Amino acid sequence: MRAVASVFAALGDRTRLELVARLSREGPTSIAKLTARFPITRQAITKHLRVMQRAGLVRSAPRGRETLWRLEPQRLTVAQRHLEAISAEWDRTLDRLKAFVERA
């Protein structure tokens, strides 16, 4: 549960959500390219990527003189499964409430 919580905590920031979306669309990308489209510094992007790395959402790998960052989609899949389980529980709860109200 702690690992999933760290994923949700990491995704709780708009910049990090945008980084996830970009890495998902564009594949492995350098800090320079990631920074080019954000109104924040390279250091700020690096801090966001480190938070995401600790949560297991991204991984870095050196490529020549650059470091490429890539998304780790399996962590998102695990988080998605947890959300689906929560959603299913809500559906069951609402179905019980509906049945109760209709009987009353």
N, C-alpha and C. Protein backbone atom coordinates (compact mmCIF):
# COMPACT_ATOMS: atom_id res chain seq x y z
N MET A 1 0.82 -1.18 0.00
CA MET A 1 0.00 0.00 0.00
C MET A 1 0.87 1.26 0.00
N ARG A 2 2.01 1.20 0.70
CA ARG A 2 2.91 2.35 0.77
C ARG A 2 3.44 2.73 -0.62
N ALA A 3 3.77 1.72 -1.43
CA ALA A 3 4.29 1.99 -2.78
C ALA A 3 3.25 2.69 -3.64
N VAL A 4 2.00 2.25 -3.54
CA VAL A 4 0.93 2.89 -4.32
C VAL A 4 0.69 4.30 -3.81
N ALA A 5 0.75 4.49 -2.50
CA ALA A 5 0.57 5.83 -1.94
C ALA A 5 1.64 6.78 -2.46
N SER A 6 2.87 6.29 -2.60
CA SER A 6 3.94 7.16 -3.11
C SER A 6 3.69 7.54 -4.57
N VAL A 7 3.08 6.65 -5.34
CA VAL A 7 2.73 6.97 -6.73
C VAL A 7 1.68 8.06 -6.76
N PHE A 8 0.63 7.91 -5.95
CA PHE A 8 -0.42 8.93 -5.93
C PHE A 8 0.12 10.27 -5.41
N ALA A 9 1.00 10.22 -4.43
CA ALA A 9 1.61 11.46 -3.92
C ALA A 9 2.43 12.13 -5.01
N ALA A 10 3.19 11.35 -5.75
CA ALA A 10 4.01 11.91 -6.83
C ALA A 10 3.15 12.50 -7.93
N LEU A 11 2.01 11.88 -8.19
CA LEU A 11 1.13 12.36 -9.25
C LEU A 11 0.24 13.52 -8.79
N GLY A 12 0.35 13.88 -7.53
CA GLY A 12 -0.48 14.95 -6.98
C GLY A 12 0.02 16.35 -7.30
N ASP A 13 0.90 16.46 -8.25
CA ASP A 13 1.44 17.75 -8.65
C ASP A 13 1.24 17.93 -10.16
N ARG A 14 0.76 19.09 -10.55
CA ARG A 14 0.45 19.34 -11.97
C ARG A 14 1.67 19.19 -12.87
N THR A 15 2.80 19.70 -12.45
CA THR A 15 4.01 19.59 -13.26
C THR A 15 4.39 18.13 -13.46
N ARG A 16 4.30 17.34 -12.41
CA ARG A 16 4.65 15.92 -12.54
C ARG A 16 3.65 15.18 -13.42
N LEU A 17 2.38 15.54 -13.32
CA LEU A 17 1.39 14.95 -14.23
C LEU A 17 1.72 15.28 -15.68
N GLU A 18 2.11 16.52 -15.93
CA GLU A 18 2.49 16.92 -17.29
C GLU A 18 3.74 16.17 -17.75
N LEU A 19 4.69 15.97 -16.84
CA LEU A 19 5.89 15.20 -17.20
C LEU A 19 5.53 13.76 -17.56
N VAL A 20 4.64 13.16 -16.78
CA VAL A 20 4.19 11.79 -17.09
C VAL A 20 3.54 11.75 -18.47
N ALA A 21 2.68 12.71 -18.75
CA ALA A 21 2.01 12.76 -20.05
C ALA A 21 3.02 12.90 -21.18
N ARG A 22 3.99 13.78 -21.01
CA ARG A 22 5.00 13.98 -22.06
C ARG A 22 5.84 12.74 -22.27
N LEU A 23 6.30 12.13 -21.18
CA LEU A 23 7.11 10.92 -21.31
C LEU A 23 6.30 9.79 -21.92
N SER A 24 5.03 9.74 -21.62
CA SER A 24 4.16 8.73 -22.20
C SER A 24 4.02 8.92 -23.71
N ARG A 25 3.86 10.16 -24.13
CA ARG A 25 3.70 10.46 -25.56
C ARG A 25 5.01 10.36 -26.33
N GLU A 26 6.08 10.91 -25.75
CA GLU A 26 7.33 11.09 -26.48
C GLU A 26 8.38 10.01 -26.24
N GLY A 27 8.19 9.21 -25.22
CA GLY A 27 9.20 8.21 -24.91
C GLY A 27 10.36 8.83 -24.16
N PRO A 28 11.48 8.09 -24.07
CA PRO A 28 12.64 8.60 -23.32
C PRO A 28 13.07 9.97 -23.81
N THR A 29 13.27 10.88 -22.86
CA THR A 29 13.54 12.27 -23.19
C THR A 29 14.60 12.83 -22.25
N SER A 30 15.42 13.73 -22.77
CA SER A 30 16.46 14.36 -21.96
C SER A 30 15.87 15.49 -21.13
N ILE A 31 16.61 15.87 -20.11
CA ILE A 31 16.22 17.01 -19.27
C ILE A 31 16.12 18.27 -20.13
N ALA A 32 17.04 18.44 -21.05
CA ALA A 32 17.03 19.65 -21.88
C ALA A 32 15.72 19.76 -22.66
N LYS A 33 15.27 18.65 -23.24
CA LYS A 33 14.01 18.68 -24.00
C LYS A 33 12.81 18.84 -23.08
N LEU A 34 12.86 18.22 -21.92
CA LEU A 34 11.75 18.37 -20.97
C LEU A 34 11.66 19.81 -20.47
N THR A 35 12.78 20.41 -20.20
CA THR A 35 12.80 21.77 -19.68
C THR A 35 12.34 22.79 -20.72
N ALA A 36 12.57 22.50 -21.98
CA ALA A 36 12.25 23.46 -23.05
C ALA A 36 10.78 23.86 -23.06
N ARG A 37 9.89 23.02 -22.63
CA ARG A 37 8.46 23.31 -22.70
C ARG A 37 7.83 23.69 -21.37
N PHE A 38 8.64 23.85 -20.36
CA PHE A 38 8.11 24.21 -19.05
C PHE A 38 8.64 25.58 -18.63
N PRO A 39 7.81 26.36 -17.95
CA PRO A 39 8.25 27.69 -17.52
C PRO A 39 9.03 27.65 -16.19
N ILE A 40 9.69 26.53 -15.92
CA ILE A 40 10.47 26.42 -14.69
C ILE A 40 11.89 25.98 -15.05
N THR A 41 12.77 26.08 -14.09
CA THR A 41 14.18 25.80 -14.34
C THR A 41 14.47 24.31 -14.51
N ARG A 42 15.63 24.06 -15.05
CA ARG A 42 16.10 22.68 -15.20
C ARG A 42 16.22 22.00 -13.84
N GLN A 43 16.68 22.75 -12.84
CA GLN A 43 16.82 22.20 -11.49
C GLN A 43 15.45 21.81 -10.93
N ALA A 44 14.43 22.60 -11.20
CA ALA A 44 13.08 22.27 -10.72
C ALA A 44 12.56 21.01 -11.40
N ILE A 45 12.78 20.90 -12.70
CA ILE A 45 12.37 19.68 -13.42
C ILE A 45 13.10 18.48 -12.85
N THR A 46 14.38 18.63 -12.57
CA THR A 46 15.16 17.53 -11.99
C THR A 46 14.60 17.11 -10.64
N LYS A 47 14.21 18.07 -9.81
CA LYS A 47 13.61 17.73 -8.52
C LYS A 47 12.30 16.96 -8.70
N HIS A 48 11.48 17.37 -9.64
CA HIS A 48 10.24 16.66 -9.91
C HIS A 48 10.52 15.24 -10.39
N LEU A 49 11.49 15.10 -11.26
CA LEU A 49 11.84 13.76 -11.77
C LEU A 49 12.38 12.87 -10.65
N ARG A 50 13.11 13.43 -9.72
CA ARG A 50 13.63 12.64 -8.58
C ARG A 50 12.48 12.15 -7.69
N VAL A 51 11.48 12.99 -7.47
CA VAL A 51 10.30 12.57 -6.70
C VAL A 51 9.63 11.40 -7.43
N MET A 52 9.48 11.55 -8.72
CA MET A 52 8.84 10.49 -9.51
C MET A 52 9.70 9.23 -9.54
N GLN A 53 11.01 9.40 -9.55
CA GLN A 53 11.91 8.24 -9.54
C GLN A 53 11.78 7.47 -8.23
N ARG A 54 11.72 8.19 -7.10
CA ARG A 54 11.55 7.53 -5.80
C ARG A 54 10.24 6.75 -5.73
N ALA A 55 9.23 7.23 -6.44
CA ALA A 55 7.94 6.54 -6.47
C ALA A 55 7.93 5.41 -7.50
N GLY A 56 9.01 5.27 -8.26
CA GLY A 56 9.09 4.20 -9.25
C GLY A 56 8.39 4.52 -10.56
N LEU A 57 8.06 5.79 -10.79
CA LEU A 57 7.33 6.17 -12.00
C LEU A 57 8.24 6.41 -13.20
N VAL A 58 9.48 6.81 -12.94
CA VAL A 58 10.42 7.05 -14.03
C VAL A 58 11.77 6.44 -13.69
N ARG A 59 12.55 6.29 -14.73
CA ARG A 59 13.91 5.77 -14.58
C ARG A 59 14.81 6.59 -15.49
N SER A 60 16.04 6.79 -15.04
CA SER A 60 17.00 7.52 -15.87
C SER A 60 18.07 6.57 -16.36
N ALA A 61 18.63 6.90 -17.53
CA ALA A 61 19.71 6.10 -18.10
C ALA A 61 20.62 7.02 -18.90
N PRO A 62 21.92 6.91 -18.69
CA PRO A 62 22.83 7.75 -19.46
C PRO A 62 22.85 7.32 -20.93
N ARG A 63 22.92 8.32 -21.79
CA ARG A 63 23.05 8.06 -23.23
C ARG A 63 23.98 9.13 -23.79
N GLY A 64 25.20 8.72 -24.01
CA GLY A 64 26.21 9.69 -24.41
C GLY A 64 26.43 10.69 -23.30
N ARG A 65 26.34 11.97 -23.64
CA ARG A 65 26.54 13.02 -22.65
C ARG A 65 25.25 13.42 -21.96
N GLU A 66 24.15 12.84 -22.37
CA GLU A 66 22.85 13.17 -21.79
C GLU A 66 22.35 12.04 -20.91
N THR A 67 21.38 12.38 -20.10
CA THR A 67 20.64 11.38 -19.34
C THR A 67 19.22 11.41 -19.86
N LEU A 68 18.73 10.24 -20.25
CA LEU A 68 17.35 10.15 -20.73
C LEU A 68 16.47 9.64 -19.60
N TRP A 69 15.29 10.22 -19.52
CA TRP A 69 14.29 9.81 -18.54
C TRP A 69 13.16 9.11 -19.27
N ARG A 70 12.74 7.98 -18.69
CA ARG A 70 11.63 7.25 -19.31
C ARG A 70 10.62 6.86 -18.26
N LEU A 71 9.41 6.72 -18.71
CA LEU A 71 8.30 6.35 -17.85
C LEU A 71 8.35 4.85 -17.55
N GLU A 72 7.99 4.49 -16.33
CA GLU A 72 7.86 3.09 -15.92
C GLU A 72 6.36 2.77 -15.83
N PRO A 73 5.73 2.36 -16.92
CA PRO A 73 4.27 2.23 -16.95
C PRO A 73 3.69 1.19 -15.99
N GLN A 74 4.47 0.21 -15.58
CA GLN A 74 3.91 -0.81 -14.68
C GLN A 74 3.49 -0.21 -13.35
N ARG A 75 4.16 0.86 -12.90
CA ARG A 75 3.76 1.52 -11.65
C ARG A 75 2.40 2.19 -11.82
N LEU A 76 2.16 2.76 -12.99
CA LEU A 76 0.86 3.36 -13.27
C LEU A 76 -0.22 2.29 -13.35
N THR A 77 0.13 1.13 -13.87
CA THR A 77 -0.82 0.03 -13.97
C THR A 77 -1.25 -0.44 -12.58
N VAL A 78 -0.30 -0.54 -11.67
CA VAL A 78 -0.62 -0.94 -10.29
C VAL A 78 -1.54 0.10 -9.65
N ALA A 79 -1.24 1.38 -9.84
CA ALA A 79 -2.09 2.44 -9.29
C ALA A 79 -3.49 2.37 -9.91
N GLN A 80 -3.55 2.11 -11.20
CA GLN A 80 -4.84 2.00 -11.89
C GLN A 80 -5.67 0.85 -11.30
N ARG A 81 -5.03 -0.27 -11.02
CA ARG A 81 -5.75 -1.40 -10.41
C ARG A 81 -6.34 -1.03 -9.05
N HIS A 82 -5.59 -0.27 -8.27
CA HIS A 82 -6.10 0.17 -6.98
C HIS A 82 -7.30 1.09 -7.15
N LEU A 83 -7.22 1.99 -8.10
CA LEU A 83 -8.36 2.89 -8.36
C LEU A 83 -9.57 2.10 -8.84
N GLU A 84 -9.36 1.09 -9.66
CA GLU A 84 -10.47 0.27 -10.13
C GLU A 84 -11.11 -0.49 -8.98
N ALA A 85 -10.30 -0.97 -8.04
CA ALA A 85 -10.84 -1.67 -6.87
C ALA A 85 -11.67 -0.72 -6.01
N ILE A 86 -11.17 0.48 -5.81
CA ILE A 86 -11.91 1.49 -5.04
C ILE A 86 -13.22 1.83 -5.76
N SER A 87 -13.16 1.99 -7.06
CA SER A 87 -14.35 2.31 -7.85
C SER A 87 -15.39 1.19 -7.75
N ALA A 88 -14.93 -0.06 -7.83
CA ALA A 88 -15.84 -1.19 -7.73
C ALA A 88 -16.50 -1.23 -6.35
N GLU A 89 -15.76 -0.92 -5.31
CA GLU A 89 -16.33 -0.90 -3.96
C GLU A 89 -17.38 0.20 -3.84
N TRP A 90 -17.11 1.35 -4.42
CA TRP A 90 -18.10 2.43 -4.42
C TRP A 90 -19.36 2.00 -5.17
N ASP A 91 -19.18 1.34 -6.30
CA ASP A 91 -20.35 0.86 -7.06
C ASP A 91 -21.19 -0.09 -6.23
N ARG A 92 -20.53 -1.01 -5.51
CA ARG A 92 -21.26 -1.95 -4.66
C ARG A 92 -21.98 -1.21 -3.54
N THR A 93 -21.32 -0.23 -2.95
CA THR A 93 -21.93 0.55 -1.87
C THR A 93 -23.15 1.32 -2.38
N LEU A 94 -23.00 1.94 -3.53
CA LEU A 94 -24.14 2.68 -4.10
C LEU A 94 -25.29 1.75 -4.48
N ASP A 95 -24.97 0.56 -4.97
CA ASP A 95 -26.02 -0.41 -5.27
C ASP A 95 -26.77 -0.82 -4.01
N ARG A 96 -26.04 -1.02 -2.91
CA ARG A 96 -26.70 -1.36 -1.63
C ARG A 96 -27.57 -0.20 -1.15
N LEU A 97 -27.08 1.01 -1.28
CA LEU A 97 -27.86 2.19 -0.89
C LEU A 97 -29.11 2.32 -1.74
N LYS A 98 -28.97 2.11 -3.02
CA LYS A 98 -30.13 2.19 -3.92
C LYS A 98 -31.17 1.14 -3.54
N ALA A 99 -30.73 -0.08 -3.28
CA ALA A 99 -31.66 -1.14 -2.91
C ALA A 99 -32.34 -0.81 -1.59
N PHE A 100 -31.62 -0.25 -0.65
CA PHE A 100 -32.19 0.12 0.63
C PHE A 100 -33.26 1.20 0.46
N VAL A 101 -32.94 2.22 -0.33
CA VAL A 101 -33.89 3.32 -0.55
C VAL A 101 -35.13 2.83 -1.28
N GLU A 102 -34.95 1.96 -2.23
CA GLU A 102 -36.10 1.45 -2.99
C GLU A 102 -37.01 0.56 -2.13
N ARG A 103 -36.44 -0.11 -1.13
CA ARG A 103 -37.24 -0.93 -0.22
C ARG A 103 -38.01 -0.08 0.77
N ALA A 104 -37.48 1.07 1.10
CA ALA A 104 -38.10 1.92 2.13
C ALA A 104 -39.34 2.63 1.64
